[in-house]
Amino acid sequence: MKYLGLALFAPLALIPSTSFAGVYDNPNINLFVKSERNSTDSITSAGVEFMAKNNNSNFGAALTTALGSAEVFTKKGDRETFLTLDTGIKFGYFSDFFVYGEVGLDLIELAFYDDRKDHDYNDRFDDDNNSIDGYVGVGIGVDSKPFRIEIYARAREIDSRYWEAQNHAYAGLQVSISF
């Protein structure tokens, strides 16, 4: 449970670090909703993004965290539903039009182990099939202050000890309001 608490408050650590030595602008804070899909699966989330850009250019980074609900079909054809806490970092060029690359992981899976009581406790530490879900992606968007809209594509690794997702490619839409 302590990992979940850390995951929820980790983005706050970025706020004081973004204006050090006058190199970075004050951070922009964006609240957003997003939806990503593929032919069988969907993930819908709401979250917060802390962005910092270099004063002399529009290159910067953003730390995002979003709590969401996922519905994923497995390779066996079963439907799995679960909560996600996607937390990631975007690096890119952020102006009126922007482009970025991103990496991230699901902090809920980091904090909790999927233990369905049908195996030995010691198997938990030898389990190669339950890696932490992660993603890499790219996106583009338009920032018309205070609203932003972006589209993105992600490759996601989603699995558990008991199943693996049928599809790993997602496309999504994110709508934000900036403060």
Protein backbone atom coordinates (compact mmCIF):
# COMPACT_ATOMS: atom_id res chain seq x y z
CA MET A 1 0.00 0.00 0.00
CA LYS A 2 2.89 2.37 0.68
CA TYR A 3 3.95 2.02 -2.99
CA LEU A 4 0.50 3.14 -4.13
CA GLY A 5 0.77 6.23 -1.95
CA LEU A 6 4.19 7.01 -3.38
CA ALA A 7 2.87 6.50 -6.90
CA LEU A 8 0.01 8.94 -6.39
CA PHE A 9 2.24 11.70 -5.00
CA ALA A 10 5.40 11.14 -7.07
CA PRO A 11 4.46 13.73 -9.74
CA LEU A 12 4.42 16.44 -7.06
CA ALA A 13 8.21 16.06 -6.74
CA LEU A 14 8.58 17.59 -10.20
CA ILE A 15 7.06 20.97 -9.24
CA PRO A 16 10.00 22.47 -7.27
CA SER A 17 12.64 20.96 -9.55
CA THR A 18 11.31 22.55 -12.72
CA SER A 19 12.33 26.13 -12.00
CA PHE A 20 15.86 25.56 -10.68
CA ALA A 21 18.59 28.03 -11.72
CA GLY A 22 16.20 29.89 -14.04
CA VAL A 23 16.70 27.27 -16.74
CA TYR A 24 13.08 26.12 -16.90
CA ASP A 25 9.78 27.96 -17.10
CA ASN A 26 7.32 27.55 -14.29
CA PRO A 27 5.62 24.21 -14.78
CA ASN A 28 2.36 23.92 -16.63
CA ILE A 29 -0.18 21.72 -14.93
CA ASN A 30 -2.71 19.97 -17.14
CA LEU A 31 -5.75 17.96 -16.08
CA PHE A 32 -6.80 15.48 -18.74
CA VAL A 33 -9.06 12.66 -19.81
CA LYS A 34 -7.95 10.13 -22.40
CA SER A 35 -9.16 7.07 -24.17
CA GLU A 36 -7.07 4.56 -26.07
CA ARG A 37 -8.24 1.58 -28.06
CA ASN A 38 -7.40 -1.14 -30.49
CA SER A 39 -9.66 -3.65 -32.25
CA THR A 40 -10.62 -5.48 -29.03
CA ASP A 41 -9.37 -3.53 -26.01
CA SER A 42 -9.90 -0.14 -24.35
CA ILE A 43 -8.32 1.92 -21.61
CA THR A 44 -10.04 5.08 -20.30
CA SER A 45 -8.24 7.33 -17.81
CA ALA A 46 -8.17 10.70 -16.09
CA GLY A 47 -5.04 12.28 -14.72
CA VAL A 48 -2.62 15.13 -14.23
CA GLU A 49 0.46 16.20 -16.16
CA PHE A 50 3.32 18.44 -14.96
CA MET A 51 5.27 19.98 -17.83
CA ALA A 52 8.49 21.99 -17.82
CA LYS A 53 10.12 23.61 -20.86
CA ASN A 54 13.52 25.19 -21.30
CA ASN A 55 13.32 29.01 -21.19
CA ASN A 56 15.33 29.34 -24.41
CA SER A 57 13.44 26.78 -26.49
CA ASN A 58 10.24 24.76 -26.54
CA PHE A 59 11.98 21.49 -25.75
CA GLY A 60 10.89 20.00 -22.47
CA ALA A 61 9.58 17.11 -20.48
CA ALA A 62 6.31 16.20 -18.81
CA LEU A 63 5.54 13.80 -15.99
CA THR A 64 2.07 12.25 -16.27
CA THR A 65 0.01 10.03 -14.03
CA ALA A 66 -3.50 8.76 -14.77
CA LEU A 67 -5.91 6.47 -12.98
CA GLY A 68 -7.92 4.41 -15.41
CA SER A 69 -10.01 1.39 -16.21
CA ALA A 70 -8.85 -1.21 -18.74
CA GLU A 71 -10.70 -3.94 -20.59
CA VAL A 72 -8.32 -6.32 -22.35
CA PHE A 73 -8.91 -9.57 -24.20
CA THR A 74 -6.38 -12.32 -23.61
CA LYS A 75 -4.77 -14.69 -26.08
CA LYS A 76 -7.18 -17.35 -24.75
CA GLY A 77 -10.17 -15.13 -25.61
CA ASP A 78 -11.10 -14.20 -22.03
CA ARG A 79 -11.91 -10.63 -21.04
CA GLU A 80 -9.89 -9.10 -18.20
CA THR A 81 -10.88 -5.83 -16.52
CA PHE A 82 -8.61 -4.01 -14.09
CA LEU A 83 -7.51 -0.61 -12.76
CA THR A 84 -4.37 1.07 -14.07
CA LEU A 85 -2.19 3.83 -12.70
CA ASP A 86 -0.15 4.75 -15.75
CA THR A 87 2.80 6.96 -14.88
CA GLY A 88 5.22 8.12 -17.52
CA ILE A 89 7.54 10.73 -18.92
CA LYS A 90 7.13 12.59 -22.21
CA PHE A 91 10.08 14.22 -23.96
CA GLY A 92 9.54 16.50 -26.90
CA TYR A 93 8.94 19.84 -28.53
CA PHE A 94 6.00 21.62 -26.83
CA SER A 95 4.61 24.73 -28.53
CA ASP A 96 1.26 25.58 -30.18
CA PHE A 97 1.84 22.39 -32.16
CA PHE A 98 3.79 19.71 -30.34
CA VAL A 99 5.34 16.31 -30.82
CA TYR A 100 6.74 13.93 -28.21
CA GLY A 101 7.97 10.46 -27.34
CA GLU A 102 7.01 8.79 -24.09
CA VAL A 103 7.74 5.85 -21.80
CA GLY A 104 5.80 4.67 -18.76
CA LEU A 105 4.55 1.87 -16.54
CA ASP A 106 1.56 0.79 -14.50
CA LEU A 107 2.32 1.60 -10.86
CA ILE A 108 -0.63 -0.44 -9.53
CA GLU A 109 1.04 -3.57 -10.83
CA LEU A 110 4.29 -2.44 -9.24
CA ALA A 111 2.54 -2.02 -5.87
CA PHE A 112 0.36 -5.14 -5.86
CA TYR A 113 1.08 -8.72 -6.80
CA ASP A 114 -1.59 -10.77 -8.62
CA ASP A 115 -1.88 -13.60 -6.12
CA ARG A 116 -4.83 -15.88 -6.83
CA LYS A 117 -3.88 -18.40 -4.11
CA ASP A 118 -3.30 -21.29 -6.51
CA HIS A 119 0.48 -21.47 -6.28
CA ASP A 120 3.25 -21.57 -3.69
CA TYR A 121 4.16 -18.25 -2.08
CA ASN A 122 7.80 -18.67 -3.12
CA ASP A 123 6.77 -18.77 -6.81
CA ARG A 124 6.16 -15.03 -6.50
CA PHE A 125 9.87 -14.31 -6.61
CA ASP A 126 10.62 -16.74 -9.46
CA ASP A 127 7.82 -15.57 -11.72
CA ASP A 128 9.01 -14.39 -15.14
CA ASN A 129 5.50 -14.07 -16.61
CA ASN A 130 4.26 -11.21 -14.45
CA SER A 131 6.49 -8.32 -15.41
CA ILE A 132 5.27 -4.82 -14.68
CA ASP A 133 3.10 -3.53 -17.52
CA GLY A 134 4.80 -0.78 -19.49
CA TYR A 135 4.43 1.26 -22.66
CA VAL A 136 6.34 3.34 -25.20
CA GLY A 137 4.66 5.77 -27.54
CA VAL A 138 4.67 8.85 -29.72
CA GLY A 139 2.15 11.67 -29.99
CA ILE A 140 1.28 14.95 -31.67
CA GLY A 141 -1.10 17.69 -30.65
CA VAL A 142 -2.37 21.25 -30.66
CA ASP A 143 -2.22 23.58 -27.65
CA SER A 144 -4.69 26.48 -27.87
CA LYS A 145 -4.33 27.52 -24.21
CA PRO A 146 -6.04 26.59 -21.98
CA PHE A 147 -7.20 23.57 -23.99
CA ARG A 148 -5.00 20.92 -25.57
CA ILE A 149 -5.87 18.00 -27.77
CA GLU A 150 -3.47 15.26 -28.79
CA ILE A 151 -3.45 11.92 -30.54
CA TYR A 152 -0.96 9.20 -29.76
CA ALA A 153 0.06 5.64 -30.49
CA ARG A 154 1.48 3.24 -27.92
CA ALA A 155 2.95 -0.22 -27.78
CA ARG A 156 1.90 -1.76 -24.46
CA GLU A 157 3.10 -4.86 -22.65
CA ILE A 158 0.07 -6.12 -20.74
CA ASP A 159 0.11 -9.49 -19.03
CA SER A 160 -0.15 -11.25 -15.71
CA ARG A 161 0.97 -14.56 -14.34
CA TYR A 162 -2.15 -16.16 -15.80
CA TRP A 163 -2.73 -14.43 -19.15
CA GLU A 164 -1.24 -12.27 -21.89
CA ALA A 165 -3.04 -9.60 -23.91
CA GLN A 166 -4.09 -10.44 -27.46
CA ASN A 167 -3.11 -7.03 -28.84
CA HIS A 168 -0.29 -4.70 -27.87
CA ALA A 169 -0.82 -1.68 -30.16
CA TYR A 170 -3.13 1.16 -29.07
CA ALA A 171 -4.17 4.51 -30.51
CA GLY A 172 -5.63 7.24 -28.34
CA LEU A 173 -7.02 10.71 -27.89
CA GLN A 174 -6.28 13.00 -24.93
CA VAL A 175 -8.06 16.26 -24.07
CA SER A 176 -6.50 18.56 -21.46
CA ILE A 177 -7.09 21.85 -19.70
CA SER A 178 -4.00 23.83 -18.60
CA PHE A 179 -3.44 25.91 -15.49
